[in-house]
Amino acid sequence: MDDHLPQSVRVERRAVSEEESRRANGPDWDRYADEYQATHGTFLGDAGFVWGPEGHTEEELHVLGDVAGLDVLEVGSGAGQCSRWVRTRGGRGFGLDLSHRQLQHSQRLDEETGVAVPSVRGTATHLPFAPATFDVVFCSFGALQFVSDIEDAVGEVARVLRPGGRFAFSVTHPTRWMFPDDPGEAGLTATQSYWDRTPYVEVDDATGVVSYVEHHRTLGDWVRLLAGHGFVLSDLVEPEWPADHDRVWGGWSRARGVLTPGTAIFVAHVAVQ
């Protein structure tokens, strides 16, 4: 579900390893970071918390609850906008991202806003933190969709959360993978099996190198993943398209959003033994 597909890239659906996913997505986000921040930065806000292309904010949805005084980790933090919002609400927000360039943008916004988000370069499958370090871990369209070894990533979240800690993340709604990545009428006709979990892959025509990877899981896959790592699912938010929202972001648009969900937000907590 890419919104920056260059002309020299072809799209495939095929199996991709964690190493290949990481090798593609890190450099891809480094290349795309400047354009992404220029295009979407105002919409996201320098210290804003948007859960998806529909524009619903944490202040509106209250997915994380009161973060004041809590240690909060954002996995796939990009320029740290959401973590910066957490800090403005009294939480101790920290960021982690695979892209060096995105973290440079985070440092830029730290300086421009005066709200610094301590951030580290790393991957969701090997979080560089001690066990039971955080009260909340969250992802706003970050990291999880780009990870092949998702069992490792969810296991890492469980490891770094304290007992009773909250895990919340937004991803492309799993039903959206049945449809072409098109914001117009062509995107309203199902062309792909919902149960086909073959990754979406972009390959550079000139070099044959995989340049972008995104992984699809069904709703049931996510529920089983969470349960298998000791999480209790407390909510599944499917944000509706706002009446006054006309922004087109990749395959997200009013034409599609008023008919079918484009985002799913899972909310879970570590079961207390």
Protein backbone atom coordinates (compact mmCIF):
# COMPACT_ATOMS: atom_id res chain seq x y z
CA MET A 1 0.00 0.00 0.00
CA ASP A 2 2.70 2.39 -1.12
CA ASP A 3 2.05 6.07 -1.95
CA HIS A 4 5.40 6.86 -3.56
CA LEU A 5 5.68 4.32 -6.39
CA PRO A 6 8.32 5.50 -8.90
CA GLN A 7 7.96 4.86 -12.63
CA SER A 8 10.98 2.52 -12.73
CA VAL A 9 9.51 0.07 -10.22
CA ARG A 10 7.37 -3.01 -10.86
CA VAL A 11 5.00 -4.54 -8.34
CA GLU A 12 5.05 -8.24 -7.43
CA ARG A 13 3.45 -10.49 -4.84
CA ARG A 14 5.95 -13.06 -3.54
CA ALA A 15 7.61 -14.44 -0.41
CA VAL A 16 10.22 -12.16 1.17
CA SER A 17 12.50 -12.86 4.15
CA GLU A 18 13.01 -10.57 7.14
CA GLU A 19 16.53 -9.74 5.92
CA GLU A 20 15.28 -8.81 2.46
CA SER A 21 12.40 -6.77 3.92
CA ARG A 22 14.74 -4.83 6.18
CA ARG A 23 17.34 -4.32 3.44
CA ALA A 24 14.64 -2.85 1.20
CA ASN A 25 12.64 -0.76 3.64
CA GLY A 26 15.45 1.00 5.50
CA PRO A 27 17.02 2.58 2.39
CA ASP A 28 13.56 3.17 0.92
CA TRP A 29 12.50 5.28 3.89
CA ASP A 30 15.85 7.08 3.79
CA ARG A 31 15.15 8.02 0.15
CA TYR A 32 11.53 8.91 0.76
CA ALA A 33 11.79 10.71 4.12
CA ASP A 34 12.23 14.23 2.75
CA GLU A 35 9.28 13.91 0.38
CA TYR A 36 7.16 12.23 3.06
CA GLN A 37 7.73 14.99 5.61
CA ALA A 38 7.21 17.73 3.01
CA THR A 39 3.97 16.13 1.79
CA HIS A 40 2.46 14.93 5.06
CA GLY A 41 4.23 16.94 7.76
CA THR A 42 1.55 19.61 8.13
CA PHE A 43 -1.20 16.98 8.29
CA LEU A 44 0.70 15.01 10.95
CA GLY A 45 1.73 18.07 12.97
CA ASP A 46 5.17 18.63 14.48
CA ALA A 47 3.86 17.41 17.82
CA GLY A 48 0.66 15.75 16.66
CA PHE A 49 -0.70 12.24 17.04
CA VAL A 50 -2.60 10.99 13.97
CA TRP A 51 -3.58 7.32 13.88
CA GLY A 52 -4.01 7.02 10.12
CA PRO A 53 -4.87 8.69 6.80
CA GLU A 54 -8.44 9.31 7.99
CA GLY A 55 -6.96 11.96 10.28
CA HIS A 56 -8.34 10.73 13.60
CA THR A 57 -6.09 11.83 16.47
CA GLU A 58 -5.19 10.28 19.81
CA GLU A 59 -6.82 13.26 21.50
CA GLU A 60 -10.05 12.21 19.79
CA LEU A 61 -9.84 8.41 20.08
CA HIS A 62 -8.13 8.03 23.50
CA VAL A 63 -6.54 4.74 22.46
CA LEU A 64 -3.59 5.09 24.84
CA GLY A 65 -5.47 6.73 27.70
CA ASP A 66 -3.71 9.10 30.09
CA VAL A 67 0.02 8.94 29.36
CA ALA A 68 1.14 11.43 32.03
CA GLY A 69 4.04 10.02 34.03
CA LEU A 70 4.32 6.90 31.84
CA ASP A 71 7.27 5.51 29.88
CA VAL A 72 6.07 5.23 26.28
CA LEU A 73 7.88 3.70 23.28
CA GLU A 74 6.92 4.41 19.66
CA VAL A 75 8.12 1.68 17.29
CA GLY A 76 8.52 3.02 13.77
CA SER A 77 8.53 6.59 15.06
CA GLY A 78 9.58 8.41 11.88
CA ALA A 79 10.08 12.07 12.76
CA GLY A 80 8.71 11.47 16.25
CA GLN A 81 5.52 13.49 15.90
CA CYS A 82 3.42 11.10 18.00
CA SER A 83 6.08 10.69 20.68
CA ARG A 84 6.46 14.46 20.81
CA TRP A 85 2.71 14.71 21.43
CA VAL A 86 3.09 12.18 24.26
CA ARG A 87 5.74 14.40 25.85
CA THR A 88 3.47 17.45 25.62
CA ARG A 89 0.93 15.43 27.62
CA GLY A 90 3.34 14.59 30.42
CA GLY A 91 4.51 11.19 29.19
CA ARG A 92 8.11 10.14 28.66
CA GLY A 93 7.98 9.38 24.94
CA PHE A 94 10.84 7.57 23.19
CA GLY A 95 11.25 6.72 19.50
CA LEU A 96 12.74 3.90 17.45
CA ASP A 97 13.00 3.81 13.67
CA LEU A 98 14.91 1.90 11.00
CA SER A 99 15.50 4.99 8.86
CA HIS A 100 18.45 7.26 9.62
CA ARG A 101 16.94 10.08 7.56
CA GLN A 102 13.61 9.93 9.39
CA LEU A 103 15.50 10.23 12.68
CA GLN A 104 17.31 13.27 11.30
CA HIS A 105 13.90 14.84 10.68
CA SER A 106 12.98 13.95 14.25
CA GLN A 107 16.04 15.81 15.50
CA ARG A 108 15.09 18.79 13.32
CA LEU A 109 11.61 18.90 14.85
CA ASP A 110 13.11 18.53 18.34
CA GLU A 111 15.01 21.76 17.73
CA GLU A 112 12.13 23.58 16.04
CA THR A 113 9.53 22.73 18.68
CA GLY A 114 11.71 22.65 21.78
CA VAL A 115 10.23 19.23 22.62
CA ALA A 116 12.98 16.60 22.33
CA VAL A 117 12.19 12.92 21.75
CA PRO A 118 15.11 10.62 22.66
CA SER A 119 15.28 8.24 19.70
CA VAL A 120 17.35 5.31 18.54
CA ARG A 121 17.91 3.61 15.21
CA GLY A 122 16.81 0.00 15.39
CA THR A 123 14.39 -2.66 14.24
CA ALA A 124 11.14 -3.91 15.71
CA THR A 125 12.47 -7.47 15.84
CA HIS A 126 15.33 -6.55 18.22
CA LEU A 127 14.27 -3.73 20.52
CA PRO A 128 17.41 -2.40 22.27
CA PHE A 129 15.79 -2.06 25.69
CA ALA A 130 15.77 -4.05 28.91
CA PRO A 131 12.75 -6.16 29.88
CA ALA A 132 9.84 -4.37 31.56
CA THR A 133 11.05 -0.90 30.57
CA PHE A 134 7.83 0.65 29.25
CA ASP A 135 4.23 1.16 30.32
CA VAL A 136 3.01 1.66 26.74
CA VAL A 137 4.30 0.62 23.31
CA PHE A 138 2.56 1.89 20.21
CA CYS A 139 2.88 2.02 16.42
CA SER A 140 1.03 4.46 14.19
CA PHE A 141 1.39 2.85 10.76
CA GLY A 142 5.00 2.17 11.66
CA ALA A 143 7.25 -0.90 11.51
CA LEU A 144 4.79 -3.78 11.89
CA GLN A 145 3.55 -3.82 8.29
CA PHE A 146 7.13 -3.90 7.05
CA VAL A 147 8.29 -6.80 9.24
CA SER A 148 8.42 -10.39 7.99
CA ASP A 149 9.30 -11.98 11.36
CA ILE A 150 6.21 -10.58 13.05
CA GLU A 151 6.31 -13.19 15.85
CA ASP A 152 9.68 -11.76 16.90
CA ALA A 153 8.39 -8.19 16.79
CA VAL A 154 5.31 -8.87 18.92
CA GLY A 155 7.42 -10.96 21.29
CA GLU A 156 9.82 -8.05 21.69
CA VAL A 157 6.97 -5.71 22.56
CA ALA A 158 5.75 -8.16 25.20
CA ARG A 159 9.28 -8.38 26.60
CA VAL A 160 9.83 -4.64 27.05
CA LEU A 161 6.37 -3.94 28.49
CA ARG A 162 5.70 -3.96 32.21
CA PRO A 163 2.94 -6.21 33.63
CA GLY A 164 -0.39 -4.80 32.54
CA GLY A 165 1.31 -2.59 29.93
CA ARG A 166 -0.57 -1.44 26.85
CA PHE A 167 0.24 -2.21 23.21
CA ALA A 168 -1.62 -0.27 20.51
CA PHE A 169 -0.93 -0.15 16.79
CA SER A 170 -2.57 0.93 13.55
CA VAL A 171 -2.12 -0.86 10.24
CA THR A 172 -3.77 -0.93 6.85
CA HIS A 173 -7.12 -2.59 7.53
CA PRO A 174 -6.66 -6.26 6.56
CA THR A 175 -9.77 -6.24 4.34
CA ARG A 176 -8.22 -3.45 2.27
CA TRP A 177 -5.68 -5.92 0.86
CA MET A 178 -8.45 -7.43 -1.27
CA PHE A 179 -8.59 -4.26 -3.34
CA PRO A 180 -6.18 -2.49 -5.72
CA ASP A 181 -4.16 0.33 -4.16
CA ASP A 182 -6.16 2.97 -6.01
CA PRO A 183 -8.08 5.90 -4.46
CA GLY A 184 -10.58 6.00 -7.36
CA GLU A 185 -13.37 3.71 -8.55
CA ALA A 186 -10.87 1.03 -9.59
CA GLY A 187 -10.06 0.63 -5.90
CA LEU A 188 -13.62 -0.44 -5.08
CA THR A 189 -13.54 -3.84 -6.80
CA ALA A 190 -12.02 -6.79 -4.94
CA THR A 191 -9.30 -8.44 -7.04
CA GLN A 192 -7.22 -10.31 -4.43
CA SER A 193 -8.09 -13.04 -1.96
CA TYR A 194 -8.33 -11.77 1.62
CA TRP A 195 -6.54 -14.95 2.72
CA ASP A 196 -3.60 -14.50 0.34
CA ARG A 197 -0.84 -13.37 2.67
CA THR A 198 1.82 -13.11 -0.06
CA PRO A 199 3.78 -9.88 0.60
CA TYR A 200 3.47 -6.81 -1.60
CA VAL A 201 6.88 -6.19 -3.18
CA GLU A 202 8.30 -3.41 -5.33
CA VAL A 203 11.34 -4.23 -7.46
CA ASP A 204 13.65 -1.72 -9.13
CA ASP A 205 13.46 -2.48 -12.86
CA ALA A 206 16.98 -1.30 -13.55
CA THR A 207 18.74 -3.38 -10.88
CA GLY A 208 16.26 -6.14 -10.00
CA VAL A 209 16.72 -5.21 -6.33
CA VAL A 210 13.72 -5.29 -3.98
CA SER A 211 13.10 -1.67 -3.01
CA TYR A 212 9.98 -1.88 -0.81
CA VAL A 213 8.07 -4.61 1.04
CA GLU A 214 4.80 -4.66 2.92
CA HIS A 215 3.24 -7.67 4.66
CA HIS A 216 -0.43 -8.57 4.98
CA ARG A 217 -2.04 -10.34 7.95
CA THR A 218 -5.72 -11.09 8.43
CA LEU A 219 -7.71 -9.92 11.45
CA GLY A 220 -7.51 -13.45 12.82
CA ASP A 221 -3.74 -13.52 12.33
CA TRP A 222 -3.36 -10.39 14.47
CA VAL A 223 -5.63 -11.72 17.22
CA ARG A 224 -3.72 -15.01 17.38
CA LEU A 225 -0.37 -13.20 17.37
CA LEU A 226 -1.39 -11.05 20.32
CA ALA A 227 -2.90 -13.93 22.28
CA GLY A 228 0.13 -16.10 21.63
CA HIS A 229 2.38 -13.55 23.33
CA GLY A 230 0.24 -13.05 26.41
CA PHE A 231 -1.79 -10.05 25.26
CA VAL A 232 -5.47 -9.53 25.91
CA LEU A 233 -7.24 -7.65 23.12
CA SER A 234 -9.40 -4.90 24.60
CA ASP A 235 -10.47 -3.00 21.49
CA LEU A 236 -10.37 -2.96 17.70
CA VAL A 237 -11.00 0.53 16.35
CA GLU A 238 -12.08 0.89 12.71
CA PRO A 239 -12.11 4.66 12.13
CA GLU A 240 -14.84 5.98 9.84
CA TRP A 241 -14.05 8.55 7.18
CA PRO A 242 -14.77 12.04 8.61
CA ALA A 243 -17.47 14.09 6.89
CA ASP A 244 -15.17 17.08 6.39
CA HIS A 245 -12.07 15.15 5.26
CA ASP A 246 -11.10 15.25 1.57
CA ARG A 247 -7.41 14.35 1.71
CA VAL A 248 -6.11 11.66 -0.66
CA TRP A 249 -3.16 9.67 0.72
CA GLY A 250 -2.02 6.82 -1.48
CA GLY A 251 -4.99 4.47 -1.73
CA TRP A 252 -6.93 6.27 1.01
CA SER A 253 -9.66 8.62 -0.20
CA ARG A 254 -13.23 9.70 0.51
CA ALA A 255 -14.49 7.53 -2.38
CA ARG A 256 -13.24 4.41 -0.61
CA GLY A 257 -13.34 5.55 2.99
CA VAL A 258 -17.10 6.09 3.15
CA LEU A 259 -17.68 2.49 2.02
CA THR A 260 -14.98 0.35 3.63
CA PRO A 261 -12.43 0.78 6.43
CA GLY A 262 -8.87 1.67 5.49
CA THR A 263 -7.31 1.48 8.97
CA ALA A 264 -7.47 -0.92 11.89
CA ILE A 265 -6.24 0.05 15.36
CA PHE A 266 -5.60 -2.85 17.74
CA VAL A 267 -5.52 -2.15 21.48
CA ALA A 268 -4.22 -4.80 23.88
CA HIS A 269 -2.53 -5.17 27.24
CA VAL A 270 -0.17 -7.67 28.82
CA ALA A 271 -2.12 -10.10 30.91
CA VAL A 272 -1.15 -9.90 34.59
CA GLN A 273 -0.29 -13.33 35.97
